[in-house]
Amino acid sequence: MTSLREWLQQAREERWGLLVDLVFAIVWVTMVDLLFRVLEGPVWAYYMFMLAGIIAYFGLFWNLELAKSQR
């Protein structure tokens, strides 16, 4: 198990990555929640959109890495 000091050091080294991950998650969950509050969609679709956020996250950042490597 890592100590708090090691965890803080790693968080400082990767702060922008962590911040981007957090912002993406907050924006995705907020958009899905607002969409389903307005449309009053079924609960199963709500959870499918939340699950789609995981796929969208990895797809977005995979494409960004691909674009950076092709430069």
C-alpha atoms as a PDB file:
ATOM      1  CA  MET A   1       0.000   0.000   0.000  1.00  0.00           C
ATOM      2  CA  THR A   2       1.375   3.407  -0.898  1.00  0.00           C
ATOM      3  CA  SER A   3       1.845   6.090   1.662  1.00  0.00           C
ATOM      4  CA  LEU A   4       0.103   9.435   1.548  1.00  0.00           C
ATOM      5  CA  ARG A   5       3.383  11.143   0.683  1.00  0.00           C
ATOM      6  CA  GLU A   6       3.891   8.921  -2.372  1.00  0.00           C
ATOM      7  CA  TRP A   7       0.299   9.440  -3.464  1.00  0.00           C
ATOM      8  CA  LEU A   8       0.630  13.242  -3.203  1.00  0.00           C
ATOM      9  CA  GLN A   9       3.900  13.185  -5.137  1.00  0.00           C
ATOM     10  CA  GLN A  10       2.311  11.141  -7.922  1.00  0.00           C
ATOM     11  CA  ALA A  11      -0.725  13.448  -7.992  1.00  0.00           C
ATOM     12  CA  ARG A  12       1.547  16.482  -8.359  1.00  0.00           C
ATOM     13  CA  GLU A  13       3.414  14.854 -11.236  1.00  0.00           C
ATOM     14  CA  GLU A  14       0.203  13.995 -13.086  1.00  0.00           C
ATOM     15  CA  ARG A  15      -1.937  16.952 -12.019  1.00  0.00           C
ATOM     16  CA  TRP A  16      -3.077  17.982 -15.503  1.00  0.00           C
ATOM     17  CA  GLY A  17      -4.065  14.459 -16.415  1.00  0.00           C
ATOM     18  CA  LEU A  18      -6.033  14.086 -13.207  1.00  0.00           C
ATOM     19  CA  LEU A  19      -7.681  17.453 -13.702  1.00  0.00           C
ATOM     20  CA  VAL A  20      -8.704  16.628 -17.273  1.00  0.00           C
ATOM     21  CA  ASP A  21     -10.123  13.278 -16.128  1.00  0.00           C
ATOM     22  CA  LEU A  22     -12.131  14.979 -13.400  1.00  0.00           C
ATOM     23  CA  VAL A  23     -13.469  17.686 -15.728  1.00  0.00           C
ATOM     24  CA  PHE A  24     -14.465  15.122 -18.357  1.00  0.00           C
ATOM     25  CA  ALA A  25     -16.322  13.035 -15.756  1.00  0.00           C
ATOM     26  CA  ILE A  26     -18.145  16.036 -14.282  1.00  0.00           C
ATOM     27  CA  VAL A  27     -19.173  17.374 -17.688  1.00  0.00           C
ATOM     28  CA  TRP A  28     -20.334  13.966 -18.947  1.00  0.00           C
ATOM     29  CA  VAL A  29     -22.391  13.142 -15.854  1.00  0.00           C
ATOM     30  CA  THR A  30     -23.917  16.638 -15.795  1.00  0.00           C
ATOM     31  CA  MET A  31     -24.891  16.463 -19.473  1.00  0.00           C
ATOM     32  CA  VAL A  32     -26.477  13.021 -19.108  1.00  0.00           C
ATOM     33  CA  ASP A  33     -28.309  14.023 -15.938  1.00  0.00           C
ATOM     34  CA  LEU A  34     -29.701  17.203 -17.495  1.00  0.00           C
ATOM     35  CA  LEU A  35     -30.695  15.374 -20.665  1.00  0.00           C
ATOM     36  CA  PHE A  36     -32.642  12.754 -18.755  1.00  0.00           C
ATOM     37  CA  ARG A  37     -34.266  15.284 -16.457  1.00  0.00           C
ATOM     38  CA  VAL A  38     -35.581  17.161 -19.493  1.00  0.00           C
ATOM     39  CA  LEU A  39     -36.561  14.134 -21.576  1.00  0.00           C
ATOM     40  CA  GLU A  40     -37.624  11.925 -18.653  1.00  0.00           C
ATOM     41  CA  GLY A  41     -36.129   8.900 -20.350  1.00  0.00           C
ATOM     42  CA  PRO A  42     -36.155   5.363 -18.992  1.00  0.00           C
ATOM     43  CA  VAL A  43     -33.756   4.436 -16.202  1.00  0.00           C
ATOM     44  CA  TRP A  44     -32.028   1.742 -18.253  1.00  0.00           C
ATOM     45  CA  ALA A  45     -31.167   4.302 -20.952  1.00  0.00           C
ATOM     46  CA  TYR A  46     -29.788   6.637 -18.282  1.00  0.00           C
ATOM     47  CA  TYR A  47     -27.384   3.940 -17.118  1.00  0.00           C
ATOM     48  CA  MET A  48     -26.453   3.061 -20.695  1.00  0.00           C
ATOM     49  CA  PHE A  49     -25.504   6.694 -21.325  1.00  0.00           C
ATOM     50  CA  MET A  50     -23.419   6.685 -18.144  1.00  0.00           C
ATOM     51  CA  LEU A  51     -21.678   3.531 -19.361  1.00  0.00           C
ATOM     52  CA  ALA A  52     -21.171   5.140 -22.764  1.00  0.00           C
ATOM     53  CA  GLY A  53     -19.196   7.851 -20.949  1.00  0.00           C
ATOM     54  CA  ILE A  54     -16.485   5.308 -20.197  1.00  0.00           C
ATOM     55  CA  ILE A  55     -16.270   4.366 -23.860  1.00  0.00           C
ATOM     56  CA  ALA A  56     -16.341   8.033 -24.901  1.00  0.00           C
ATOM     57  CA  TYR A  57     -13.542   8.848 -22.458  1.00  0.00           C
ATOM     58  CA  PHE A  58     -11.191   6.184 -23.769  1.00  0.00           C
ATOM     59  CA  GLY A  59     -12.145   6.930 -27.381  1.00  0.00           C
ATOM     60  CA  LEU A  60     -11.474  10.645 -26.971  1.00  0.00           C
ATOM     61  CA  PHE A  61      -8.096  10.238 -25.326  1.00  0.00           C
ATOM     62  CA  TRP A  62      -7.046   7.413 -27.643  1.00  0.00           C
ATOM     63  CA  ASN A  63      -7.765   9.706 -30.608  1.00  0.00           C
ATOM     64  CA  LEU A  64      -5.846  12.555 -28.968  1.00  0.00           C
ATOM     65  CA  GLU A  65      -2.814  10.324 -28.475  1.00  0.00           C
ATOM     66  CA  LEU A  66      -3.097   9.114 -32.058  1.00  0.00           C
ATOM     67  CA  ALA A  67      -3.247  12.692 -33.348  1.00  0.00           C
ATOM     68  CA  LYS A  68      -0.220  13.688 -31.245  1.00  0.00           C
ATOM     69  CA  SER A  69       1.814  10.748 -32.536  1.00  0.00           C
ATOM     70  CA  GLN A  70       1.022  11.618 -36.163  1.00  0.00           C
ATOM     71  CA  ARG A  71       2.292  15.185 -35.830  1.00  0.00           C
END
